[in-house]
Amino acid sequence: MRTNCIAAIGFTIVMVISTWPRISWSQIEPESYAKSFTIYWENDSFTGTDKDYSNGIKLTWSKAYVPSIEKSSGIKGWMFDHLPLMNKPSAQRSTSFSMGQSIFTPEDTDRTDLIENDRPYAGYSYLEFGYISTRGLRRDVWVLEIGILGPASQAEGTQSLVHDILDVDRANGWDNQLDDELGINLTFVSNWRLWHFGNSRGLGIDVIPHLGGRLGNIAIHANTGAEIRIGWSVPKDFGTCPIRSGCSASSNADNGAGLFDDGRSNFAIYLFVAGDGRAVIRNIFLDGNTFQDSHSVDKETLVMDLMGGIAVHYGRFRMTYSMVKRTREFKERDDDHTFGAISLSYYY
């Protein structure tokens, strides 16, 4: 297994151990399990490569939906009252909290010098605060992201610690990574369950388009796309998510226990295919640091992700596996990039 794959496993263990008390068995309420905890892991070792977007890990907690008439206080209440499309009388509200880390490397990790015609080394660790509103067949999501880029993200340390424990060679070019920079981004995404055929206890198919954008010093882009799902007992939620800001904000799958019409979360299995296209104005992992000179490459302004995979629900658990093909992100690279994605959710 390649080095970034090993680093991801180590980071996952550390993060899960540090946060496990939040989902202890003593907190489970079987009669109303509508909250969720989800682990996302993405890595290109699934496809035998070790370059570009090398690894991503993300943990997300989502709370149950409540009617908008149940007013929230403090910062959460202010956000719901002032963010566009959040303060609707007929809406159901939810919040989420995520923490994650992303690692980017050039293709040749044996070299110690700066590779000018390949992407920079970069690590990014972040927190996300999601605000979700659903009305009928529509879901709107705002996400405030705060993170740190550069050596302070501890991306190099995450890799190196696990590599040393397992006696695996380190990546050699981290001295050339992008410098420390505080990241602040705001993301908005709308999803619609545009079309559905079948029922929740048999063969079904649905189409879920999305539209959104991201604004901040880490990334500026507009994006749109859609997902098609077909299989047995396709749930009444808003689709399958890779690690993408705004997409994984609400992984409680539209109330967890209410995945199906009769309120019982039993067995479901389905295939999905999805596409997401982005018009990119800024990508700090390619453009380099915002306020100082740094290594950079010439980014592509139009980038697309194509995803296909399978999802299985059983009881309180959901697992997805998918492959993602991303068109080239910068002009110095001739080929596309492919990576695998796994997620595991628990509803409680």
Protein backbone atom coordinates (compact mmCIF):
# COMPACT_ATOMS: atom_id res chain seq x y z
CA MET A 1 0.00 0.00 0.00
CA ARG A 2 1.28 3.41 -0.87
CA THR A 3 2.50 5.93 1.68
CA ASN A 4 -0.48 8.30 1.62
CA CYS A 5 -2.81 5.36 2.20
CA ILE A 6 -0.84 4.47 5.35
CA ALA A 7 -0.91 8.06 6.56
CA ALA A 8 -4.67 8.17 6.13
CA ILE A 9 -5.14 5.10 8.31
CA GLY A 10 -3.01 6.63 11.07
CA PHE A 11 -4.84 9.94 10.93
CA THR A 12 -8.21 8.17 11.03
CA ILE A 13 -7.23 6.22 14.16
CA VAL A 14 -6.06 9.36 15.97
CA MET A 15 -9.18 11.35 15.05
CA VAL A 16 -11.64 8.59 15.94
CA ILE A 17 -10.01 7.88 19.31
CA SER A 18 -10.04 11.58 20.20
CA THR A 19 -13.74 12.01 19.33
CA TRP A 20 -15.30 8.64 20.11
CA PRO A 21 -16.93 9.72 23.41
CA ARG A 22 -19.31 11.92 21.42
CA ILE A 23 -20.98 8.83 19.97
CA SER A 24 -20.76 6.44 22.90
CA TRP A 25 -23.37 3.72 23.22
CA SER A 26 -24.68 5.33 26.40
CA GLN A 27 -25.95 8.25 24.33
CA ILE A 28 -28.01 6.20 21.87
CA GLU A 29 -31.78 6.63 21.96
CA PRO A 30 -33.18 3.75 19.87
CA GLU A 31 -36.62 5.27 19.53
CA SER A 32 -35.40 8.47 17.88
CA TYR A 33 -31.97 8.01 16.32
CA ALA A 34 -31.84 10.98 13.96
CA LYS A 35 -28.28 12.21 14.53
CA SER A 36 -25.32 10.82 12.64
CA PHE A 37 -21.58 10.39 12.67
CA THR A 38 -19.75 9.84 9.37
CA ILE A 39 -16.16 9.02 8.46
CA TYR A 40 -15.02 9.91 4.93
CA TRP A 41 -11.76 8.67 3.46
CA GLU A 42 -10.43 9.40 -0.03
CA ASN A 43 -7.11 8.19 -1.42
CA ASP A 44 -5.57 7.61 -4.84
CA SER A 45 -3.90 4.37 -3.73
CA PHE A 46 -7.17 2.67 -4.70
CA THR A 47 -6.16 3.26 -8.31
CA GLY A 48 -2.42 2.63 -7.93
CA THR A 49 -1.27 6.25 -8.15
CA ASP A 50 0.38 8.62 -5.68
CA LYS A 51 0.05 12.22 -6.88
CA ASP A 52 -2.14 15.34 -6.94
CA TYR A 53 -4.97 14.94 -4.41
CA SER A 54 -3.29 12.16 -2.48
CA ASN A 55 -5.46 11.82 0.60
CA GLY A 56 -8.49 13.26 2.35
CA ILE A 57 -10.01 12.38 5.71
CA LYS A 58 -13.11 13.97 7.21
CA LEU A 59 -15.34 13.38 10.25
CA THR A 60 -18.85 14.83 10.31
CA TRP A 61 -21.48 15.00 13.06
CA SER A 62 -25.01 16.00 12.02
CA LYS A 63 -27.87 16.84 14.34
CA ALA A 64 -31.53 15.98 13.89
CA TYR A 65 -33.83 18.23 11.92
CA VAL A 66 -36.21 20.45 13.89
CA PRO A 67 -39.00 22.75 12.62
CA SER A 68 -37.94 26.31 11.91
CA ILE A 69 -40.50 27.53 14.44
CA GLU A 70 -38.24 26.12 17.18
CA LYS A 71 -36.01 29.16 17.42
CA SER A 72 -32.30 28.71 18.08
CA SER A 73 -30.32 31.11 20.24
CA GLY A 74 -26.78 32.47 20.01
CA ILE A 75 -24.66 32.27 16.89
CA LYS A 76 -26.65 29.36 15.46
CA GLY A 77 -29.91 31.27 15.74
CA TRP A 78 -28.36 34.37 14.18
CA MET A 79 -27.03 32.37 11.24
CA PHE A 80 -30.38 30.75 10.53
CA ASP A 81 -32.13 34.12 10.77
CA HIS A 82 -29.74 35.96 8.46
CA LEU A 83 -28.41 33.49 5.89
CA PRO A 84 -30.42 33.52 2.64
CA LEU A 85 -33.03 30.75 2.27
CA MET A 86 -32.60 29.57 5.86
CA ASN A 87 -35.42 31.47 7.58
CA LYS A 88 -38.49 29.87 5.99
CA PRO A 89 -41.52 29.04 8.18
CA SER A 90 -42.07 25.66 6.51
CA ALA A 91 -38.42 24.55 6.70
CA GLN A 92 -36.76 21.87 8.78
CA ARG A 93 -33.38 22.93 10.18
CA SER A 94 -30.25 21.00 11.05
CA THR A 95 -26.63 21.74 11.86
CA SER A 96 -23.41 19.83 11.34
CA PHE A 97 -19.81 19.99 12.48
CA SER A 98 -16.86 18.55 10.55
CA MET A 99 -13.11 18.31 10.91
CA GLY A 100 -10.79 17.13 8.19
CA GLN A 101 -7.41 17.16 6.53
CA SER A 102 -6.40 17.14 2.85
CA ILE A 103 -2.97 16.31 1.42
CA PHE A 104 -1.64 17.24 -2.02
CA THR A 105 1.67 16.12 -3.50
CA PRO A 106 3.48 16.16 -6.85
CA GLU A 107 3.94 12.92 -8.75
CA ASP A 108 7.57 12.31 -7.76
CA THR A 109 7.75 12.21 -3.95
CA ASP A 110 11.34 10.91 -3.96
CA ARG A 111 12.80 14.24 -5.03
CA THR A 112 13.84 16.79 -2.40
CA ASP A 113 14.03 19.84 -4.68
CA LEU A 114 11.16 22.08 -5.74
CA ILE A 115 9.53 20.59 -8.86
CA GLU A 116 8.52 23.69 -10.79
CA ASN A 117 6.39 21.97 -13.43
CA ASP A 118 4.31 19.98 -10.93
CA ARG A 119 1.87 20.99 -8.22
CA PRO A 120 3.11 22.17 -4.82
CA TYR A 121 3.18 20.06 -1.71
CA ALA A 122 0.28 21.27 0.42
CA GLY A 123 -1.50 20.23 3.60
CA TYR A 124 -4.76 21.71 4.84
CA SER A 125 -6.56 21.00 8.14
CA TYR A 126 -9.96 22.55 8.75
CA LEU A 127 -13.20 22.81 10.69
CA GLU A 128 -16.61 23.21 9.06
CA PHE A 129 -19.86 24.50 10.56
CA GLY A 130 -22.89 23.56 8.46
CA TYR A 131 -26.38 25.11 8.49
CA ILE A 132 -29.00 23.08 6.64
CA SER A 133 -32.60 23.83 5.69
CA THR A 134 -34.96 21.42 3.95
CA ARG A 135 -38.35 22.21 2.45
CA GLY A 136 -40.10 19.37 0.71
CA LEU A 137 -37.86 18.16 -2.11
CA ARG A 138 -35.24 20.90 -1.68
CA ARG A 139 -32.25 21.22 0.64
CA ASP A 140 -30.15 24.38 1.09
CA VAL A 141 -26.78 24.28 2.85
CA TRP A 142 -24.42 27.00 4.04
CA VAL A 143 -20.99 26.00 5.36
CA LEU A 144 -18.49 28.20 7.17
CA GLU A 145 -15.00 26.72 6.90
CA ILE A 146 -11.99 27.76 8.98
CA GLY A 147 -8.67 26.04 8.39
CA ILE A 148 -4.91 26.29 8.29
CA LEU A 149 -2.69 25.70 5.27
CA GLY A 150 1.00 24.88 5.38
CA PRO A 151 3.30 23.31 7.98
CA ALA A 152 0.86 24.26 10.77
CA SER A 153 -1.69 21.88 9.24
CA GLN A 154 0.52 18.99 10.44
CA ALA A 155 -0.06 17.12 7.18
CA GLU A 156 3.65 16.28 6.96
CA GLY A 157 3.71 15.21 10.58
CA THR A 158 0.69 12.96 10.09
CA GLN A 159 2.43 11.15 7.27
CA SER A 160 5.86 11.03 8.85
CA LEU A 161 4.70 9.70 12.24
CA VAL A 162 2.83 6.77 10.72
CA HIS A 163 5.61 6.10 8.20
CA ASP A 164 8.20 5.93 10.97
CA ILE A 165 6.06 3.58 13.06
CA LEU A 166 5.56 1.26 10.09
CA ASP A 167 9.11 1.70 8.75
CA VAL A 168 7.95 3.20 5.43
CA ASP A 169 9.95 5.77 3.47
CA ARG A 170 8.87 9.36 3.96
CA ALA A 171 7.89 11.73 1.17
CA ASN A 172 11.01 13.84 0.64
CA GLY A 173 9.76 17.16 -0.67
CA TRP A 174 7.78 18.61 2.21
CA ASP A 175 10.35 21.38 2.74
CA ASN A 176 8.87 22.92 -0.41
CA GLN A 177 5.25 22.92 0.76
CA LEU A 178 3.07 26.03 0.70
CA ASP A 179 3.55 28.36 3.68
CA ASP A 180 1.22 28.79 6.64
CA GLU A 181 -1.99 30.67 5.89
CA LEU A 182 -5.31 30.96 7.67
CA GLY A 183 -8.14 29.75 5.46
CA ILE A 184 -11.69 31.14 5.59
CA ASN A 185 -14.31 30.01 3.11
CA LEU A 186 -18.09 30.20 2.75
CA THR A 187 -19.92 27.59 0.70
CA PHE A 188 -23.53 27.43 -0.51
CA VAL A 189 -25.20 24.42 -2.15
CA SER A 190 -28.81 23.68 -3.13
CA ASN A 191 -30.04 20.16 -3.92
CA TRP A 192 -33.36 19.06 -5.39
CA ARG A 193 -34.96 15.63 -5.54
CA LEU A 194 -36.06 16.48 -9.04
CA TRP A 195 -37.52 13.14 -10.11
CA HIS A 196 -38.27 9.85 -8.40
CA PHE A 197 -39.78 6.63 -9.68
CA GLY A 198 -40.64 3.57 -7.61
CA ASN A 199 -41.18 3.16 -3.89
CA SER A 200 -39.05 2.83 -0.77
CA ARG A 201 -39.61 -0.93 -0.47
CA GLY A 202 -38.72 -1.97 -4.00
CA LEU A 203 -36.86 -0.96 -7.12
CA GLY A 204 -36.45 2.78 -7.43
CA ILE A 205 -34.59 5.46 -9.35
CA ASP A 206 -34.14 9.17 -8.72
CA VAL A 207 -32.31 12.24 -10.02
CA ILE A 208 -30.80 14.85 -7.69
CA PRO A 209 -29.25 17.98 -9.27
CA HIS A 210 -27.24 20.53 -7.31
CA LEU A 211 -26.02 24.10 -7.74
CA GLY A 212 -23.64 26.09 -5.59
CA GLY A 213 -20.42 27.99 -5.09
CA ARG A 214 -17.49 28.60 -2.77
CA LEU A 215 -15.89 31.92 -1.81
CA GLY A 216 -12.75 32.61 0.20
CA ASN A 217 -8.97 32.62 0.06
CA ILE A 218 -8.78 28.81 -0.23
CA ALA A 219 -11.11 28.47 -3.21
CA ILE A 220 -13.41 30.53 -5.40
CA HIS A 221 -15.63 28.64 -7.82
CA ALA A 222 -19.18 28.02 -9.00
CA ASN A 223 -20.30 24.44 -9.45
CA THR A 224 -23.24 22.42 -10.67
CA GLY A 225 -24.04 18.80 -11.38
CA ALA A 226 -26.41 15.92 -10.69
CA GLU A 227 -26.62 12.39 -9.34
CA ILE A 228 -28.65 9.42 -10.57
CA ARG A 229 -29.37 6.51 -8.22
CA ILE A 230 -30.98 3.17 -9.02
CA GLY A 231 -31.48 0.17 -6.80
CA TRP A 232 -33.48 -1.39 -3.99
CA SER A 233 -35.12 0.90 -1.40
CA VAL A 234 -33.45 4.09 -2.60
CA PRO A 235 -33.72 6.41 0.45
CA LYS A 236 -35.54 9.73 0.46
CA ASP A 237 -32.44 11.82 1.08
CA PHE A 238 -30.30 14.17 -1.02
CA GLY A 239 -27.70 11.88 -2.50
CA THR A 240 -24.20 10.56 -2.01
CA CYS A 241 -21.30 12.81 -1.11
CA PRO A 242 -17.56 12.77 -1.60
CA ILE A 243 -15.44 15.13 0.51
CA ARG A 244 -16.77 18.35 -0.95
CA SER A 245 -17.67 21.42 1.07
CA GLY A 246 -21.43 21.72 1.41
CA CYS A 247 -22.09 18.23 0.11
CA SER A 248 -21.24 16.22 3.20
CA ALA A 249 -22.59 18.85 5.62
CA SER A 250 -25.78 16.92 6.36
CA SER A 251 -24.98 13.24 6.42
CA ASN A 252 -27.92 12.43 8.68
CA ALA A 253 -29.60 11.39 5.41
CA ASP A 254 -32.70 13.50 5.94
CA ASN A 255 -33.33 12.43 9.52
CA GLY A 256 -31.68 9.04 9.73
CA ALA A 257 -34.57 7.03 11.09
CA GLY A 258 -36.81 8.48 8.40
CA LEU A 259 -34.86 7.07 5.50
CA PHE A 260 -37.90 5.16 4.31
CA ASP A 261 -41.61 5.85 4.12
CA ASP A 262 -42.52 3.65 7.08
CA GLY A 263 -39.82 5.14 9.32
CA ARG A 264 -37.78 1.93 9.62
CA SER A 265 -34.17 2.02 8.49
CA ASN A 266 -33.68 -1.57 7.33
CA PHE A 267 -31.89 -2.72 4.18
CA ALA A 268 -31.15 -0.79 0.98
CA ILE A 269 -28.63 -1.21 -1.80
CA TYR A 270 -28.24 0.97 -4.87
CA LEU A 271 -25.82 2.15 -7.52
CA PHE A 272 -25.09 5.80 -8.19
CA VAL A 273 -23.38 7.91 -10.81
CA ALA A 274 -22.76 11.64 -10.41
CA GLY A 275 -21.02 14.54 -12.04
CA ASP A 276 -19.87 17.91 -10.72
CA GLY A 277 -18.45 20.68 -12.88
CA ARG A 278 -16.60 23.71 -11.50
CA ALA A 279 -15.71 27.06 -12.99
CA VAL A 280 -12.59 27.86 -10.98
CA ILE A 281 -11.35 31.36 -10.21
CA ARG A 282 -9.04 30.43 -7.35
CA ASN A 283 -7.53 27.22 -5.98
CA ILE A 284 -4.87 27.93 -3.38
CA PHE A 285 -3.40 24.42 -3.74
CA LEU A 286 -2.46 25.34 -7.33
CA ASP A 287 -2.26 29.16 -7.23
CA GLY A 288 -0.08 29.20 -4.13
CA ASN A 289 -0.23 31.40 -1.05
CA THR A 290 -2.46 34.47 -1.15
CA PHE A 291 -0.29 37.07 0.55
CA GLN A 292 3.27 35.95 -0.30
CA ASP A 293 5.25 34.49 -3.16
CA SER A 294 5.17 30.72 -3.37
CA HIS A 295 5.31 27.81 -5.77
CA SER A 296 2.35 27.72 -8.17
CA VAL A 297 1.20 26.18 -11.44
CA ASP A 298 -1.22 27.29 -14.17
CA LYS A 299 -4.64 26.01 -13.11
CA GLU A 300 -7.42 24.95 -15.44
CA THR A 301 -10.54 27.10 -15.14
CA LEU A 302 -12.98 24.27 -15.91
CA VAL A 303 -12.71 21.04 -13.90
CA MET A 304 -15.12 18.11 -13.70
CA ASP A 305 -15.51 15.17 -11.30
CA LEU A 306 -17.24 12.00 -12.47
CA MET A 307 -18.20 9.56 -9.71
CA GLY A 308 -19.69 6.09 -9.69
CA GLY A 309 -20.21 3.62 -6.88
CA ILE A 310 -22.45 1.59 -4.61
CA ALA A 311 -24.20 2.32 -1.30
CA VAL A 312 -25.54 -0.11 1.28
CA HIS A 313 -27.82 0.74 4.22
CA TYR A 314 -28.44 -1.76 6.99
CA GLY A 315 -30.01 -0.86 10.31
CA ARG A 316 -28.25 2.18 11.69
CA PHE A 317 -25.30 1.94 9.30
CA ARG A 318 -24.63 3.19 5.80
CA MET A 319 -21.52 2.48 3.74
CA THR A 320 -20.57 3.83 0.32
CA TYR A 321 -17.72 3.04 -2.01
CA SER A 322 -17.02 4.99 -5.16
CA MET A 323 -14.37 5.88 -7.70
CA VAL A 324 -13.89 9.50 -8.73
CA LYS A 325 -12.29 10.63 -11.97
CA ARG A 326 -11.17 14.28 -11.97
CA THR A 327 -10.16 16.06 -15.15
CA ARG A 328 -6.73 17.68 -15.07
CA GLU A 329 -6.56 20.66 -12.74
CA PHE A 330 -3.46 22.40 -14.11
CA LYS A 331 -1.88 22.83 -17.52
CA GLU A 332 1.50 21.30 -16.65
CA ARG A 333 -0.20 17.90 -16.21
CA ASP A 334 -1.43 15.96 -19.26
CA ASP A 335 -3.56 13.30 -17.61
CA ASP A 336 -6.65 13.12 -15.40
CA HIS A 337 -6.58 11.96 -11.80
CA THR A 338 -8.56 9.09 -10.26
CA PHE A 339 -9.06 8.23 -6.59
CA GLY A 340 -11.28 6.05 -4.42
CA ALA A 341 -13.73 7.21 -1.77
CA ILE A 342 -15.22 5.36 1.21
CA SER A 343 -17.71 6.62 3.77
CA LEU A 344 -19.26 4.96 6.81
CA SER A 345 -22.21 6.52 8.68
CA TYR A 346 -23.83 5.60 11.97
CA TYR A 347 -27.26 6.93 12.98
CA TYR A 348 -28.14 7.28 16.64
